Amino acid sequence: MTEHTSPLVGDELTLEITGIAHGGVSIARHDGRVFFVHDTLPGETVTARVGEVKKRFARATTVRVLEPSPHRQEHIWVEASVLRDPAERVGGAEFGHIQLAHQRALKSDILADALTRQGKIPAEKLPTVPVMPLTDDPAELGWRTRVRLHVDRETGQLGPYAARSNTVIPVASLPLAVAEINSMAPLQENFPGASSVDLFAPSADDPRMLVNYAGEKTAGAADTVLENVLGTPFQVRAGDFWQVHYAAAERLFSEVANIVAKLGDAVDPQANNLDLYGGVGLLSAAFIHATDSKARITSVEFVESATDLATENLAPFSGARPISARCEHYLKNMLNAPASVRAKFNRATVIADPPRTGLGVALCANLLELAPANIVYVACDPVAFARDVQLLSEGGYGLAKISALDMFPHTHHFETVCLLSHKG
């Protein structure tokens, strides 16, 4: 019987990288233990420094590349390069050392793995889902329209955090940010007493910088800015959620609208259609655009400030009804509604754009009981998405359409959009 030696934090090991995992890390094995390794990619041999050791796995960070992958490139952000000590590497671009086309291939692999493992879809029945770019920019730099920089408490120095750390790292530029943000970012200035600096570059409004101070509410969180989506203005508060890629809102609007339009008679504009986690009304507007201007849809959003703006943004549409509530509470109330109200869910289309945690077991159970005809699911976490697909498929829904969008180039994040149709 082989005796394995447990590694210690700080050890440097030679590891052969064999796979990719969700979360921007690669996989290796050493002395019977799984290692999750940062700053590398499958096919490489690296020296990695151990940062964490658990009973069944360990985490490590690449310090030297011994045998590089042909898909490795010079990192798009010099302050994140493997040539720097791991403690001095900036976070936020964990795939920046990988050629862009291969980044997308890895993301497609991650989605497929999630759908087979968590989603329980047999590999032979799973279609290939390429992760598609949002633009024709071959470099995919300069896409972030919102950036938060942090302030070192002792020095007042400004910068992003180091990867997996709250250490502030000074940087010379922000390669993922749009030009307007780079031109106003005060990267060489100090902000004593401040906690962070937010930079915004709305598509239909002036860029702005908001300085936040420790112990105070986020400065300017209530400031309203305008975003333009295919010629339609949307009011968004600076502190509320909005897609950060300059092309993302329009692409999601179009993706959802196209799915709904192609459903044809399977969509009932007068049913109890829902937009769960509706934000400021973007996807409700997409549904209305794909059906008719008097279509009924209720946008359910917990953040009251976002609901207030959804009311303004959707005011031209008489059938739109934004409400502020937790989605799970709203669905529970619908389950207790009169039979005549519940019956309208049988023809309904539900759009859902949940946070990274996904819909979850309870909300999926409520959806299954309401049994809408169609669910259009926009997901930002492939594992949570795959779990929800498995739950919904057990309740009678089939995966009718799926696509993936590279809305966060040079990071491990991407978005999945799918249509689940009731088989009954």
Protein backbone atom coordinates (compact mmCIF):
# COMPACT_ATOMS: atom_id res chain seq x y z
CA MET A 1 0.00 0.00 0.00
CA THR A 2 1.41 3.40 -1.04
CA GLU A 3 1.76 5.94 1.76
CA HIS A 4 0.94 9.50 0.70
CA THR A 5 2.56 12.52 2.29
CA SER A 6 0.28 15.45 3.00
CA PRO A 7 1.63 18.71 1.51
CA LEU A 8 2.15 21.75 3.71
CA VAL A 9 1.13 25.32 3.01
CA GLY A 10 4.08 27.01 1.32
CA ASP A 11 5.42 23.83 -0.32
CA GLU A 12 6.30 24.11 -4.00
CA LEU A 13 5.33 21.09 -6.10
CA THR A 14 5.68 20.08 -9.72
CA LEU A 15 2.18 19.45 -11.09
CA GLU A 16 0.86 18.23 -14.43
CA ILE A 17 -2.37 20.01 -15.25
CA THR A 18 -4.98 17.64 -16.63
CA GLY A 19 -8.31 19.46 -16.59
CA ILE A 20 -10.34 22.59 -15.95
CA ALA A 21 -12.87 23.28 -13.18
CA HIS A 22 -15.51 25.93 -12.66
CA GLY A 23 -14.16 28.96 -10.83
CA GLY A 24 -11.14 29.75 -13.01
CA VAL A 25 -8.94 26.96 -11.68
CA SER A 26 -7.28 23.98 -13.32
CA ILE A 27 -6.99 20.43 -11.98
CA ALA A 28 -3.95 18.33 -11.12
CA ARG A 29 -3.31 15.28 -8.95
CA HIS A 30 -0.37 14.68 -6.67
CA ASP A 31 0.13 11.75 -4.27
CA GLY A 32 -3.54 10.81 -4.54
CA ARG A 33 -4.84 14.29 -3.78
CA VAL A 34 -6.73 16.61 -6.12
CA PHE A 35 -5.17 20.05 -6.55
CA PHE A 36 -7.00 23.12 -7.78
CA VAL A 37 -4.34 25.28 -9.38
CA HIS A 38 -4.54 28.96 -10.29
CA ASP A 39 -2.85 30.76 -13.19
CA THR A 40 -2.36 27.74 -15.43
CA LEU A 41 -4.40 25.69 -17.94
CA PRO A 42 -4.75 22.07 -19.05
CA GLY A 43 -1.70 20.57 -20.74
CA GLU A 44 0.89 22.50 -18.75
CA THR A 45 3.49 21.35 -16.25
CA VAL A 46 4.07 23.95 -13.55
CA THR A 47 5.67 24.59 -10.21
CA ALA A 48 2.87 25.61 -7.87
CA ARG A 49 2.94 26.94 -4.32
CA VAL A 50 0.47 25.30 -1.92
CA GLY A 51 -1.92 27.80 -0.36
CA GLU A 52 -4.52 25.60 1.33
CA VAL A 53 -4.73 21.94 2.31
CA LYS A 54 -7.97 20.09 3.05
CA LYS A 55 -8.59 16.41 3.71
CA ARG A 56 -9.48 15.58 0.11
CA PHE A 57 -8.06 18.44 -1.91
CA ALA A 58 -5.60 21.30 -1.89
CA ARG A 59 -5.22 24.66 -3.60
CA ALA A 60 -2.06 26.02 -5.16
CA THR A 61 -0.91 28.90 -7.32
CA THR A 62 1.48 28.67 -10.24
CA VAL A 63 4.87 30.27 -9.62
CA ARG A 64 6.76 28.90 -12.65
CA VAL A 65 5.63 27.42 -15.96
CA LEU A 66 7.89 24.49 -16.80
CA GLU A 67 6.09 23.25 -19.92
CA PRO A 68 3.67 25.84 -21.33
CA SER A 69 0.51 25.07 -23.25
CA PRO A 70 0.45 26.21 -26.89
CA HIS A 71 -2.64 28.19 -25.82
CA ARG A 72 -0.74 30.28 -23.26
CA GLN A 73 -0.17 33.95 -24.07
CA GLU A 74 1.45 36.88 -22.32
CA HIS A 75 -1.06 38.03 -19.74
CA ILE A 76 -3.25 40.91 -20.91
CA TRP A 77 -2.67 42.65 -17.54
CA VAL A 78 0.99 42.96 -16.59
CA GLU A 79 0.13 43.22 -12.88
CA ALA A 80 -1.52 39.77 -13.07
CA SER A 81 1.40 38.03 -14.76
CA VAL A 82 2.76 34.71 -13.48
CA LEU A 83 6.15 36.48 -13.34
CA ARG A 84 4.95 38.34 -10.24
CA ASP A 85 4.76 36.80 -6.79
CA PRO A 86 1.23 35.41 -6.23
CA ALA A 87 0.61 37.86 -3.39
CA GLU A 88 1.26 40.74 -5.80
CA ARG A 89 -0.94 39.55 -8.67
CA VAL A 90 -4.08 41.55 -9.27
CA GLY A 91 -7.38 39.68 -9.53
CA GLY A 92 -10.20 40.05 -11.99
CA ALA A 93 -8.62 38.59 -15.14
CA GLU A 94 -7.92 34.98 -14.19
CA PHE A 95 -8.08 33.75 -17.81
CA GLY A 96 -5.95 36.58 -19.19
CA HIS A 97 -2.99 34.26 -19.77
CA ILE A 98 -5.04 32.07 -22.15
CA GLN A 99 -5.64 32.80 -25.82
CA LEU A 100 -9.16 34.09 -26.27
CA ALA A 101 -10.47 31.31 -28.52
CA HIS A 102 -9.19 28.71 -26.06
CA GLN A 103 -10.78 30.57 -23.14
CA ARG A 104 -14.12 30.04 -24.86
CA ALA A 105 -13.39 26.40 -25.57
CA LEU A 106 -12.63 25.85 -21.87
CA LYS A 107 -15.84 27.63 -20.86
CA SER A 108 -17.79 25.38 -23.22
CA ASP A 109 -16.15 22.36 -21.55
CA ILE A 110 -17.11 23.71 -18.10
CA LEU A 111 -20.74 24.11 -19.17
CA ALA A 112 -20.85 20.60 -20.66
CA ASP A 113 -19.31 19.12 -17.51
CA ALA A 114 -21.87 20.91 -15.30
CA LEU A 115 -24.80 19.74 -17.42
CA THR A 116 -23.64 16.13 -17.31
CA ARG A 117 -22.61 16.07 -13.63
CA GLN A 118 -25.10 18.37 -11.91
CA GLY A 119 -27.71 18.43 -14.67
CA LYS A 120 -27.70 14.63 -15.09
CA ILE A 121 -27.95 14.97 -18.88
CA PRO A 122 -26.28 12.00 -20.61
CA ALA A 123 -23.24 13.17 -22.55
CA GLU A 124 -24.55 11.58 -25.76
CA LYS A 125 -27.74 13.67 -25.53
CA LEU A 126 -25.99 16.94 -24.77
CA PRO A 127 -25.54 19.28 -27.74
CA THR A 128 -22.26 21.10 -28.20
CA VAL A 129 -22.74 24.63 -26.86
CA PRO A 130 -20.04 27.01 -28.09
CA VAL A 131 -19.45 30.11 -25.98
CA MET A 132 -20.03 32.99 -28.38
CA PRO A 133 -18.39 36.44 -28.31
CA LEU A 134 -20.53 39.56 -27.97
CA THR A 135 -18.47 41.62 -30.40
CA ASP A 136 -16.05 41.15 -33.29
CA ASP A 137 -13.17 42.68 -31.30
CA PRO A 138 -10.32 40.15 -31.64
CA ALA A 139 -8.72 41.24 -28.35
CA GLU A 140 -11.88 41.76 -26.26
CA LEU A 141 -10.27 44.41 -24.10
CA GLY A 142 -11.94 47.63 -22.97
CA TRP A 143 -15.39 46.19 -22.28
CA ARG A 144 -16.09 46.96 -18.60
CA THR A 145 -18.35 49.98 -18.03
CA ARG A 146 -18.31 49.67 -14.23
CA VAL A 147 -15.20 49.27 -12.07
CA ARG A 148 -14.70 49.39 -8.31
CA LEU A 149 -11.23 50.21 -6.99
CA HIS A 150 -10.28 49.80 -3.34
CA VAL A 151 -8.28 51.99 -0.99
CA ASP A 152 -5.48 50.75 1.26
CA ARG A 153 -6.39 51.76 4.82
CA GLU A 154 -2.85 52.65 5.82
CA THR A 155 -1.51 54.41 2.73
CA GLY A 156 -4.67 55.62 0.99
CA GLN A 157 -3.32 54.01 -2.18
CA LEU A 158 -5.89 53.11 -4.83
CA GLY A 159 -6.13 49.90 -6.84
CA PRO A 160 -7.94 46.59 -7.35
CA TYR A 161 -7.56 43.74 -4.89
CA ALA A 162 -4.98 41.02 -5.33
CA ALA A 163 -6.43 37.71 -6.43
CA ARG A 164 -8.16 35.92 -3.52
CA SER A 165 -7.08 38.68 -1.13
CA ASN A 166 -8.07 42.07 0.25
CA THR A 167 -4.61 43.48 -0.43
CA VAL A 168 -4.77 46.57 -2.64
CA ILE A 169 -2.47 46.36 -5.67
CA PRO A 170 -1.42 49.58 -7.45
CA VAL A 171 -1.82 49.29 -11.23
CA ALA A 172 -0.83 51.44 -14.20
CA SER A 173 -3.96 50.72 -16.26
CA LEU A 174 -7.28 48.88 -16.38
CA PRO A 175 -7.15 46.87 -19.62
CA LEU A 176 -10.66 45.44 -19.28
CA ALA A 177 -12.27 48.86 -18.71
CA VAL A 178 -13.67 51.05 -21.45
CA ALA A 179 -11.63 54.06 -22.56
CA GLU A 180 -13.82 56.54 -20.64
CA ILE A 181 -13.01 54.80 -17.36
CA ASN A 182 -9.30 54.55 -18.10
CA SER A 183 -9.15 58.25 -18.92
CA MET A 184 -10.65 59.32 -15.59
CA ALA A 185 -9.33 56.58 -13.27
CA PRO A 186 -7.12 58.31 -10.63
CA LEU A 187 -4.70 55.38 -10.42
CA GLN A 188 -1.76 57.45 -9.18
CA GLU A 189 -3.71 59.34 -6.52
CA ASN A 190 -4.21 58.58 -2.83
CA PHE A 191 -7.59 58.68 -1.07
CA PRO A 192 -6.96 58.76 2.69
CA GLY A 193 -10.10 57.90 4.67
CA ALA A 194 -11.93 56.49 1.68
CA SER A 195 -12.85 52.81 1.35
CA SER A 196 -13.38 52.52 -2.42
CA VAL A 197 -13.87 54.43 -5.65
CA ASP A 198 -16.55 53.49 -8.19
CA LEU A 199 -16.15 54.39 -11.86
CA PHE A 200 -19.11 54.35 -14.25
CA ALA A 201 -19.36 54.89 -18.00
CA PRO A 202 -23.07 54.67 -18.93
CA SER A 203 -23.92 54.25 -22.61
CA ALA A 204 -26.25 57.28 -22.70
CA ASP A 205 -24.90 59.50 -19.94
CA ASP A 206 -21.73 61.18 -18.71
CA PRO A 207 -19.02 59.09 -17.05
CA ARG A 208 -18.69 59.62 -13.33
CA MET A 209 -16.53 58.79 -10.34
CA LEU A 210 -17.99 58.16 -6.87
CA VAL A 211 -15.77 58.13 -3.78
CA ASN A 212 -17.02 55.96 -0.89
CA TYR A 213 -15.94 56.51 2.71
CA ALA A 214 -15.72 53.90 5.44
CA GLY A 215 -18.79 53.75 7.65
CA GLU A 216 -20.96 55.67 5.18
CA LYS A 217 -23.49 54.53 2.64
CA THR A 218 -22.08 54.10 -0.85
CA ALA A 219 -21.70 57.56 -2.31
CA GLY A 220 -23.94 58.27 -5.25
CA ALA A 221 -25.74 54.94 -5.01
CA ALA A 222 -29.01 56.75 -5.67
CA ASP A 223 -27.65 58.67 -8.68
CA THR A 224 -29.67 57.77 -11.76
CA VAL A 225 -27.85 57.24 -15.05
CA LEU A 226 -29.19 56.46 -18.50
CA GLU A 227 -28.37 53.35 -20.48
CA ASN A 228 -29.37 52.92 -24.12
CA VAL A 229 -30.55 49.49 -25.33
CA LEU A 230 -31.37 49.28 -29.04
CA GLY A 231 -32.64 52.84 -28.98
CA THR A 232 -34.68 52.44 -25.78
CA PRO A 233 -33.53 54.41 -22.70
CA PHE A 234 -33.32 52.65 -19.35
CA GLN A 235 -32.86 54.49 -16.07
CA VAL A 236 -30.48 52.71 -13.71
CA ARG A 237 -29.26 53.76 -10.29
CA ALA A 238 -25.48 53.74 -9.97
CA GLY A 239 -25.70 51.38 -7.00
CA ASP A 240 -28.08 48.90 -8.65
CA PHE A 241 -27.27 45.98 -10.92
CA TRP A 242 -26.59 46.49 -14.62
CA GLN A 243 -24.60 44.38 -17.06
CA VAL A 244 -20.96 45.51 -17.08
CA HIS A 245 -20.02 44.61 -20.67
CA TYR A 246 -20.97 47.50 -22.94
CA ALA A 247 -22.66 45.10 -25.40
CA ALA A 248 -24.25 42.72 -22.86
CA ALA A 249 -27.61 44.40 -22.21
CA GLU A 250 -28.43 44.64 -25.91
CA ARG A 251 -27.33 41.06 -26.55
CA LEU A 252 -29.41 39.65 -23.68
CA PHE A 253 -32.41 41.74 -24.77
CA SER A 254 -32.09 40.31 -28.28
CA GLU A 255 -31.50 36.72 -27.13
CA VAL A 256 -34.57 36.68 -24.91
CA ALA A 257 -36.72 38.50 -27.46
CA ASN A 258 -35.70 36.05 -30.20
CA ILE A 259 -36.50 33.01 -28.02
CA VAL A 260 -39.94 34.40 -27.16
CA ALA A 261 -40.69 35.42 -30.76
CA LYS A 262 -39.82 31.97 -32.12
CA LEU A 263 -42.21 30.33 -29.65
CA GLY A 264 -45.07 31.80 -31.68
CA ASP A 265 -48.47 30.56 -30.49
CA ALA A 266 -46.83 28.83 -27.51
CA VAL A 267 -46.66 32.29 -25.91
CA ASP A 268 -49.84 33.84 -24.53
CA PRO A 269 -49.32 37.61 -24.11
CA GLN A 270 -52.32 37.78 -21.75
CA ALA A 271 -51.27 34.95 -19.43
CA ASN A 272 -49.66 35.56 -16.02
CA ASN A 273 -46.23 36.04 -17.55
CA LEU A 274 -43.40 36.71 -15.09
CA ASP A 275 -39.96 38.28 -15.08
CA LEU A 276 -38.25 36.95 -11.94
CA TYR A 277 -35.33 39.01 -10.60
CA GLY A 278 -36.54 41.64 -13.04
CA GLY A 279 -34.19 44.48 -12.08
CA VAL A 280 -35.02 47.71 -13.91
CA GLY A 281 -37.18 45.95 -16.50
CA LEU A 282 -34.75 45.04 -19.29
CA LEU A 283 -36.04 41.52 -19.96
CA SER A 284 -39.69 42.47 -19.38
CA ALA A 285 -39.21 44.97 -22.19
CA ALA A 286 -37.65 42.22 -24.33
CA PHE A 287 -40.74 40.03 -23.77
CA ILE A 288 -43.08 42.86 -24.71
CA HIS A 289 -40.96 43.67 -27.78
CA ALA A 290 -41.32 40.05 -28.94
CA THR A 291 -45.09 39.83 -28.39
CA ASP A 292 -47.14 43.03 -28.41
CA SER A 293 -47.14 46.37 -26.65
CA LYS A 294 -50.10 45.38 -24.45
CA ALA A 295 -48.64 42.07 -23.30
CA ARG A 296 -49.02 41.29 -19.59
CA ILE A 297 -45.90 40.66 -17.57
CA THR A 298 -45.11 41.13 -13.89
CA SER A 299 -41.53 42.05 -13.03
CA VAL A 300 -40.62 40.77 -9.56
CA GLU A 301 -37.56 42.36 -7.94
CA PHE A 302 -36.55 42.55 -4.27
CA VAL A 303 -34.48 45.77 -4.55
CA GLU A 304 -37.04 48.55 -4.22
CA SER A 305 -34.94 51.18 -5.97
CA ALA A 306 -34.69 48.93 -9.03
CA THR A 307 -38.46 48.30 -8.96
CA ASP A 308 -39.07 52.07 -8.83
CA LEU A 309 -37.02 52.55 -11.97
CA ALA A 310 -38.64 49.53 -13.66
CA THR A 311 -41.94 51.34 -13.13
CA GLU A 312 -40.50 54.34 -15.00
CA ASN A 313 -38.81 52.29 -17.71
CA LEU A 314 -41.88 50.16 -18.42
CA ALA A 315 -44.41 53.00 -18.15
CA PRO A 316 -45.11 53.04 -21.93
CA PHE A 317 -46.41 49.46 -21.70
CA SER A 318 -49.85 49.16 -20.10
CA GLY A 319 -49.51 45.45 -19.34
CA ALA A 320 -46.23 45.69 -17.43
CA ARG A 321 -46.49 45.56 -13.64
CA PRO A 322 -43.27 45.89 -11.62
CA ILE A 323 -43.55 44.88 -7.98
CA SER A 324 -41.01 44.74 -5.17
CA ALA A 325 -40.95 41.33 -3.49
CA ARG A 326 -38.75 38.32 -2.97
CA CYS A 327 -39.36 35.95 -5.86
CA GLU A 328 -39.89 32.96 -3.59
CA HIS A 329 -42.49 34.87 -1.56
CA TYR A 330 -44.29 36.04 -4.67
CA LEU A 331 -44.55 32.50 -6.06
CA LYS A 332 -45.80 31.14 -2.74
CA ASN A 333 -48.55 33.76 -2.78
CA MET A 334 -49.48 32.75 -6.32
CA LEU A 335 -49.83 29.15 -5.20
CA ASN A 336 -52.49 30.32 -2.74
CA ALA A 337 -54.30 32.45 -5.35
CA PRO A 338 -57.79 31.56 -6.65
CA ALA A 339 -57.95 28.78 -9.22
CA SER A 340 -58.87 31.26 -11.95
CA VAL A 341 -55.60 33.15 -11.37
CA ARG A 342 -53.47 30.04 -11.15
CA ALA A 343 -54.98 28.66 -14.36
CA LYS A 344 -53.40 31.52 -16.31
CA PHE A 345 -49.95 30.20 -15.38
CA ASN A 346 -50.51 27.14 -17.56
CA ARG A 347 -50.08 29.37 -20.62
CA ALA A 348 -47.52 31.67 -19.05
CA THR A 349 -43.91 32.33 -19.97
CA VAL A 350 -41.52 32.92 -17.07
CA ILE A 351 -38.24 34.74 -17.57
CA ALA A 352 -35.69 34.22 -14.80
CA ASP A 353 -32.34 35.96 -14.38
CA PRO A 354 -31.28 34.94 -10.86
CA PRO A 355 -28.01 35.74 -9.02
CA ARG A 356 -25.09 33.28 -9.02
CA THR A 357 -26.85 31.02 -6.52
CA GLY A 358 -29.46 30.21 -9.17
CA LEU A 359 -33.16 29.59 -8.61
CA GLY A 360 -32.64 26.97 -5.93
CA VAL A 361 -34.66 23.99 -4.76
CA ALA A 362 -37.59 25.86 -3.20
CA LEU A 363 -38.18 28.26 -6.07
CA CYS A 364 -37.91 25.46 -8.66
CA ALA A 365 -40.49 23.49 -6.67
CA ASN A 366 -42.86 26.48 -6.74
CA LEU A 367 -42.38 26.88 -10.48
CA LEU A 368 -43.13 23.21 -11.01
CA GLU A 369 -46.36 23.55 -9.05
CA LEU A 370 -47.42 26.62 -11.04
CA ALA A 371 -46.39 24.80 -14.25
CA PRO A 372 -45.88 27.67 -16.73
CA ALA A 373 -45.67 26.70 -20.39
CA ASN A 374 -42.18 28.12 -20.92
CA ILE A 375 -39.21 29.13 -18.77
CA VAL A 376 -36.54 31.36 -20.29
CA TYR A 377 -33.55 31.05 -17.96
CA VAL A 378 -30.60 33.47 -18.00
CA ALA A 379 -27.80 32.06 -15.84
CA CYS A 380 -24.44 33.42 -14.73
CA ASP A 381 -23.23 30.30 -12.88
CA PRO A 382 -23.09 27.04 -14.87
CA VAL A 383 -23.15 24.73 -11.83
CA ALA A 384 -26.19 26.38 -10.20
CA PHE A 385 -27.85 26.51 -13.62
CA ALA A 386 -27.24 22.81 -14.27
CA ARG A 387 -28.66 21.90 -10.84
CA ASP A 388 -31.82 23.88 -11.61
CA VAL A 389 -32.13 22.30 -15.06
CA GLN A 390 -32.02 18.88 -13.41
CA LEU A 391 -34.74 19.87 -10.91
CA LEU A 392 -36.97 21.33 -13.61
CA SER A 393 -36.42 18.42 -15.98
CA GLU A 394 -37.53 15.99 -13.27
CA GLY A 395 -40.74 18.02 -13.04
CA GLY A 396 -41.57 17.75 -16.73
CA TYR A 397 -39.52 20.41 -18.54
CA GLY A 398 -37.30 19.73 -21.54
CA LEU A 399 -34.23 21.72 -22.55
CA ALA A 400 -35.47 23.07 -25.89
CA LYS A 401 -32.74 25.63 -26.65
CA ILE A 402 -29.44 26.64 -25.08
CA SER A 403 -26.72 29.15 -25.91
CA ALA A 404 -23.73 30.58 -24.07
CA LEU A 405 -22.33 34.11 -24.24
CA ASP A 406 -18.82 35.31 -23.38
CA MET A 407 -19.95 38.41 -21.51
CA PHE A 408 -16.80 38.49 -19.35
CA PRO A 409 -13.74 37.92 -21.58
CA HIS A 410 -10.44 37.09 -19.84
CA THR A 411 -12.31 35.90 -16.74
CA HIS A 412 -13.84 32.47 -16.05
CA HIS A 413 -17.37 33.90 -16.08
CA PHE A 414 -19.89 33.53 -18.90
CA GLU A 415 -23.65 33.63 -19.32
CA THR A 416 -26.00 30.84 -20.38
CA VAL A 417 -29.44 31.44 -21.91
CA CYS A 418 -31.88 28.57 -22.32
CA LEU A 419 -35.50 27.73 -23.02
CA LEU A 420 -37.20 25.06 -20.95
CA SER A 421 -40.58 23.98 -22.30
CA HIS A 422 -43.21 21.96 -20.47
CA LYS A 423 -43.65 18.52 -21.96
CA GLY A 424 -47.27 18.19 -20.85
